[in-house]
Protein backbone atom coordinates (compact mmCIF):
# COMPACT_ATOMS: atom_id res chain seq x y z
CA UNK A 1 17.22 -14.25 -6.75
CA UNK A 2 17.24 -11.01 -8.20
CA UNK A 3 13.96 -9.91 -7.36
CA UNK A 4 14.31 -6.61 -9.79
CA UNK A 5 13.94 -9.23 -12.83
CA UNK A 6 10.41 -9.78 -11.90
CA UNK A 7 9.55 -5.98 -11.87
CA UNK A 8 8.41 -5.34 -15.53
CA UNK A 9 6.07 -8.44 -15.57
CA UNK A 10 4.71 -7.30 -12.37
CA UNK A 11 3.93 -4.11 -13.54
CA UNK A 12 2.00 -5.58 -16.49
CA UNK A 13 0.36 -7.61 -14.57
CA UNK A 14 -1.10 -4.93 -12.15
CA UNK A 15 -2.28 -2.85 -15.23
CA UNK A 16 -3.81 -6.12 -16.49
CA UNK A 17 -5.81 -6.46 -13.15
CA UNK A 18 -6.56 -2.47 -13.34
CA UNK A 19 -8.45 -3.54 -16.76
CA UNK A 20 -10.26 -5.80 -14.89
CA UNK A 21 -11.13 -3.47 -12.36
CA UNK A 22 -12.74 -0.95 -14.67
CA UNK A 23 -14.63 -3.26 -16.84
CA UNK A 24 -16.77 -3.73 -13.56
CA UNK A 25 -16.46 -0.06 -12.35
CA UNK A 26 -18.37 1.12 -15.34
CA UNK A 27 -21.29 -1.16 -14.67
CA UNK A 28 -24.17 -1.14 -12.11
CA UNK A 29 -21.98 -3.64 -9.92
CA UNK A 30 -23.49 -4.96 -6.50
CA UNK A 31 -21.51 -4.82 -2.94
CA UNK A 32 -21.43 -7.87 -0.76
CA UNK A 33 -20.38 -7.35 2.66
CA UNK A 34 -17.61 -9.86 3.73
CA UNK A 35 -17.19 -11.50 7.40
CA UNK A 36 -15.28 -8.67 8.51
CA UNK A 37 -18.10 -6.22 7.12
CA UNK A 38 -15.65 -5.13 4.79
CA UNK A 39 -17.25 -4.36 1.19
CA UNK A 40 -16.31 -7.03 -1.60
CA UNK A 41 -17.27 -6.49 -5.26
CA UNK A 42 -16.84 -8.59 -8.73
CA UNK A 43 -13.91 -6.57 -9.46
CA UNK A 44 -11.82 -7.49 -6.40
CA UNK A 45 -12.52 -10.94 -7.62
CA UNK A 46 -11.81 -10.44 -11.16
CA UNK A 47 -8.44 -8.82 -10.26
CA UNK A 48 -7.53 -11.64 -7.90
CA UNK A 49 -8.15 -14.39 -10.03
CA UNK A 50 -6.01 -12.24 -12.94
CA UNK A 51 -2.94 -11.46 -10.39
CA UNK A 52 -2.99 -14.84 -9.07
CA UNK A 53 -2.65 -16.74 -12.28
CA UNK A 54 -0.14 -14.43 -13.52
CA UNK A 55 2.11 -14.83 -10.41
CA UNK A 56 1.81 -18.49 -10.70
CA UNK A 57 2.81 -18.26 -14.28
CA UNK A 58 5.82 -15.69 -13.56
CA UNK A 59 6.89 -17.69 -10.42
CA UNK A 60 5.28 -21.28 -9.95
CA UNK A 61 7.47 -22.11 -6.70
CA UNK A 62 6.58 -18.67 -4.59
CA UNK A 63 3.48 -18.71 -2.63
CA UNK A 64 0.94 -16.10 -2.96
CA UNK A 65 -1.12 -14.44 -0.03
CA UNK A 66 -4.14 -12.50 -1.34
CA UNK A 67 -6.56 -10.50 0.67
CA UNK A 68 -9.60 -12.41 -1.07
CA UNK A 69 -8.04 -15.80 -0.24
CA UNK A 70 -6.47 -15.11 3.04
CA UNK A 71 -7.27 -18.01 5.07
CA UNK A 72 -3.79 -19.87 5.20
CA UNK A 73 -2.90 -20.98 8.57
CA UNK A 74 0.12 -19.41 10.17
CA UNK A 75 1.66 -22.80 10.51
CA UNK A 76 2.16 -23.29 6.90
CA UNK A 77 2.61 -19.20 6.20
CA UNK A 78 5.73 -19.22 8.87
CA UNK A 79 7.76 -21.64 6.46
CA UNK A 80 7.76 -19.11 3.69
CA UNK A 81 11.08 -17.28 3.44
CA UNK A 82 9.42 -15.54 0.18
CA UNK A 83 6.01 -14.93 -1.02
CA UNK A 84 3.94 -12.92 -2.93
CA UNK A 85 1.43 -10.23 -0.94
CA UNK A 86 -1.58 -9.00 -2.86
CA UNK A 87 -4.44 -6.57 -2.71
CA UNK A 88 -6.23 -6.91 -5.67
CA UNK A 89 -8.23 -4.07 -5.08
CA UNK A 90 -7.19 -1.56 -2.22
CA UNK A 91 -9.68 1.11 -1.48
CA UNK A 92 -13.05 -1.05 -2.16
CA UNK A 93 -14.83 1.70 -0.41
CA UNK A 94 -13.25 4.42 -2.71
CA UNK A 95 -14.57 2.11 -5.56
CA UNK A 96 -17.95 2.02 -4.38
CA UNK A 97 -17.99 5.94 -4.09
CA UNK A 98 -16.45 5.91 -7.61
CA UNK A 99 -13.69 8.60 -6.58
CA UNK A 100 -10.99 6.61 -8.39
CA UNK A 101 -8.51 6.64 -5.31
CA UNK A 102 -8.20 2.83 -5.05
CA UNK A 103 -5.23 0.75 -6.38
CA UNK A 104 -3.91 -2.80 -7.30
CA UNK A 105 -1.22 -4.00 -4.41
CA UNK A 106 1.37 -6.33 -5.40
CA UNK A 107 4.47 -6.86 -3.17
CA UNK A 108 7.07 -9.48 -2.87
CA UNK A 109 8.08 -10.39 0.71
CA UNK A 110 11.47 -11.84 1.52
CA UNK A 111 12.33 -12.70 5.00
CA UNK A 112 9.88 -10.34 6.35
CA UNK A 113 10.54 -7.32 4.13
CA UNK A 114 9.21 -5.95 1.23
CA UNK A 115 11.79 -6.48 -1.83
CA UNK A 116 9.56 -5.13 -4.75
CA UNK A 117 6.24 -3.30 -4.62
CA UNK A 118 3.90 -2.19 -7.47
CA UNK A 119 0.70 0.00 -6.81
CA UNK A 120 -1.35 0.77 -10.08
CA UNK A 121 -4.13 3.20 -10.25
CA UNK A 122 -6.59 1.98 -12.67
CA UNK A 123 -8.57 5.42 -13.05
CA UNK A 124 -5.63 7.53 -13.91
CA UNK A 125 -3.07 4.92 -15.32
CA UNK A 126 -0.55 6.01 -12.97
CA UNK A 127 2.08 3.15 -11.50
CA UNK A 128 4.19 3.33 -8.40
CA UNK A 129 7.07 0.83 -8.67
CA UNK A 130 10.21 -0.15 -6.77
CA UNK A 131 12.63 -3.15 -5.77
CA UNK A 132 15.34 -3.33 -3.48
CA UNK A 133 18.39 -1.64 -4.29
CA UNK A 134 16.93 0.03 -7.56
CA UNK A 135 15.23 3.11 -6.22
CA UNK A 136 11.39 4.06 -6.83
CA UNK A 137 9.40 5.47 -9.95
CA UNK A 138 6.23 6.73 -10.60
CA UNK A 139 4.83 6.27 -14.11
CA UNK A 140 1.80 8.40 -15.40
CA UNK A 141 0.28 8.65 -18.85
CA UNK A 142 1.01 12.38 -19.00
CA UNK A 143 4.42 12.82 -17.96
CA UNK A 144 5.97 9.34 -18.46
CA UNK A 145 8.24 7.42 -15.99
CA UNK A 146 10.56 9.34 -13.41
CA UNK A 147 12.50 8.61 -10.18
CA UNK A 148 10.77 10.00 -6.91
CA UNK A 149 12.16 10.67 -3.89
CA UNK A 150 11.03 11.54 -0.34
CA UNK A 151 11.48 15.50 1.05
CA UNK A 152 12.85 17.14 3.79
CA UNK A 153 10.75 19.17 6.24
CA UNK A 154 10.61 22.50 5.18
CA UNK A 155 9.78 25.55 8.01
CA UNK A 156 6.04 25.73 7.05
CA UNK A 157 3.35 23.56 7.70
CA UNK A 158 3.73 19.90 8.06
CA UNK A 159 1.74 17.90 5.23
CA UNK A 160 -0.11 15.39 6.80
CA UNK A 161 -1.89 12.54 4.98
CA UNK A 162 -5.28 11.35 6.14
CA UNK A 163 -7.57 8.88 5.24
CA UNK A 164 -10.94 9.52 3.66
CA UNK A 165 -12.81 6.87 5.17
CA UNK A 166 -10.81 6.42 8.55
CA UNK A 167 -10.56 9.56 11.22
CA UNK A 168 -10.72 9.32 14.77
CA UNK A 169 -9.56 10.82 18.20
CA UNK A 170 -6.19 9.53 18.16
CA UNK A 171 -5.35 11.18 14.90
CA UNK A 172 -7.00 14.17 16.43
CA UNK A 173 -4.98 14.26 19.21
CA UNK A 174 -1.63 13.69 17.27
CA UNK A 175 -2.59 16.65 15.16
CA UNK A 176 -3.04 19.10 18.22
CA UNK A 177 0.41 17.87 19.35
CA UNK A 178 1.73 18.37 16.01
CA UNK A 179 0.88 22.12 15.63
CA UNK A 180 1.08 23.89 12.37
CA UNK A 181 -0.06 21.59 9.76
CA UNK A 182 -2.04 20.90 6.54
CA UNK A 183 -3.95 17.87 5.74
CA UNK A 184 -4.03 15.93 2.57
CA UNK A 185 -6.91 13.50 2.21
CA UNK A 186 -6.45 10.51 0.21
CA UNK A 187 -7.86 6.87 0.05
CA UNK A 188 -6.07 3.25 -0.32
CA UNK A 189 -2.45 2.93 -0.04
CA UNK A 190 -2.14 6.28 -2.58
CA UNK A 191 -1.62 7.70 1.09
CA UNK A 192 1.87 6.17 1.49
CA UNK A 193 2.81 7.11 -2.34
CA UNK A 194 1.84 10.50 -1.31
CA UNK A 195 4.77 10.45 1.02
CA UNK A 196 7.02 8.73 -1.19
CA UNK A 197 6.69 11.14 -3.77
CA UNK A 198 7.56 13.97 -1.71
CA UNK A 199 3.96 15.29 -2.12
CA UNK A 200 3.65 15.06 1.93
CA UNK A 201 5.55 14.78 5.10
CA UNK A 202 3.97 12.06 7.14
CA UNK A 203 0.86 9.55 7.26
CA UNK A 204 0.39 8.76 10.76
CA UNK A 205 -2.31 5.63 10.27
CA UNK A 206 -3.78 5.09 14.22
CA UNK A 207 -6.25 2.65 12.95
CA UNK A 208 -6.44 -0.55 11.63
CA UNK A 209 -5.01 -2.10 8.28
CA UNK A 210 -3.86 -5.26 7.22
CA UNK A 211 -0.43 -6.51 5.55
CA UNK A 212 -1.50 -6.61 2.41
CA UNK A 213 -2.74 -2.76 2.59
CA UNK A 214 0.64 -1.57 3.29
CA UNK A 215 3.42 -4.23 1.75
CA UNK A 216 3.70 -2.95 -1.86
CA UNK A 217 3.85 0.99 -1.19
CA UNK A 218 5.86 0.13 1.91
CA UNK A 219 8.65 -0.98 -0.49
CA UNK A 220 8.12 2.31 -2.71
CA UNK A 221 8.50 4.76 0.02
CA UNK A 222 11.77 2.85 1.69
CA UNK A 223 13.53 2.80 -2.16
CA UNK A 224 12.18 6.62 -2.45
CA UNK A 225 14.36 7.03 0.71
CA UNK A 226 11.45 7.29 3.59
CA UNK A 227 10.40 4.79 6.30
CA UNK A 228 7.43 3.02 7.39
CA UNK A 229 7.44 2.23 11.20
CA UNK A 230 5.49 1.14 14.00
CA UNK A 231 4.60 3.47 16.86
CA UNK A 232 8.32 2.53 18.52
CA UNK A 233 10.07 3.92 15.10
CA UNK A 234 10.65 0.08 14.40
CA UNK A 235 10.01 -1.26 10.69
CA UNK A 236 6.85 -2.91 10.12
CA UNK A 237 7.72 -6.72 9.28
CA UNK A 238 5.78 -9.17 7.38
CA UNK A 239 4.21 -12.55 8.25
CA UNK A 240 5.53 -12.77 11.84
CA UNK A 241 2.57 -13.51 13.59
CA UNK A 242 -0.99 -15.48 13.24
CA UNK A 243 -2.93 -12.34 12.91
CA UNK A 244 -2.45 -10.33 9.53
CA UNK A 245 -3.44 -7.27 10.92
CA UNK A 246 -0.64 -4.23 11.41
CA UNK A 247 0.04 -2.38 14.31
CA UNK A 248 -0.46 0.94 13.79
CA UNK A 249 2.33 3.15 12.00
CA UNK A 250 4.05 5.93 10.76
CA UNK A 251 5.20 6.64 7.06
CA UNK A 252 7.41 9.68 6.85
CA UNK A 253 10.45 11.11 4.44
CA UNK A 254 12.24 13.01 7.08
CA UNK A 255 13.69 11.18 10.04
CA UNK A 256 14.98 14.25 11.80
CA UNK A 257 12.01 14.40 13.77
CA UNK A 258 10.40 11.89 16.63
CA UNK A 259 7.05 11.46 15.19
CA UNK A 260 5.98 9.36 18.04
CA UNK A 261 6.46 12.18 20.32
CA UNK A 262 3.13 13.78 19.00
CA UNK A 263 1.03 10.73 20.23
CA UNK A 264 -1.32 11.20 23.05
CA UNK A 265 0.02 10.26 26.34
């Protein structure tokens, strides 16, 4: 299986889903609470339906796991060697706030690792995309398509990506130990993409996320030369347990520094 053969089709599918999201974005949409109290809108479901239908047409033999249809027991999932993992609308809180910082995330997981990833930003038309062995790109309507790479640390302040919607005491303690830094605030999986394109140095996520939140951008940052690890500096893996929650993690471009050394004792 050459996973890169799917990349252009998946990029187009992410854009189609983004168009469905924007149709709702321009209306007076309603917001429901899911069981975990996270928000749900018609845009989430419109994107979900578009992506699932497209992936089933593209690869009828590869199962699909979506945030909006995640109640597949591990007994069944554990037999999946390869599967699609999608977040139809990552950053629903940002969508509700209408700040534009939400994405469509589509990843292909093979043996626990993301081997293809597409992150599409409906409001700006920006796409981040990667597949195993071919590097990572960023495409924008203004600048076209270019390769992206993580950056090495400079002698100046460390650029730390933080969440607009989630900040807590653990992150504050990390930043105190880190020393001189600047915060770059961003929503959704765009935080990971900022590291991938060399616009930030590290993203410490010391709070809960789910596997569909990270998988697509995980592939992008790795193919851009970076890493996404747990707090023991081991790469995140997918579909290895009953829970679909991620451990806390770091995203970084420069591995010359032990980022775990800045965690509170």
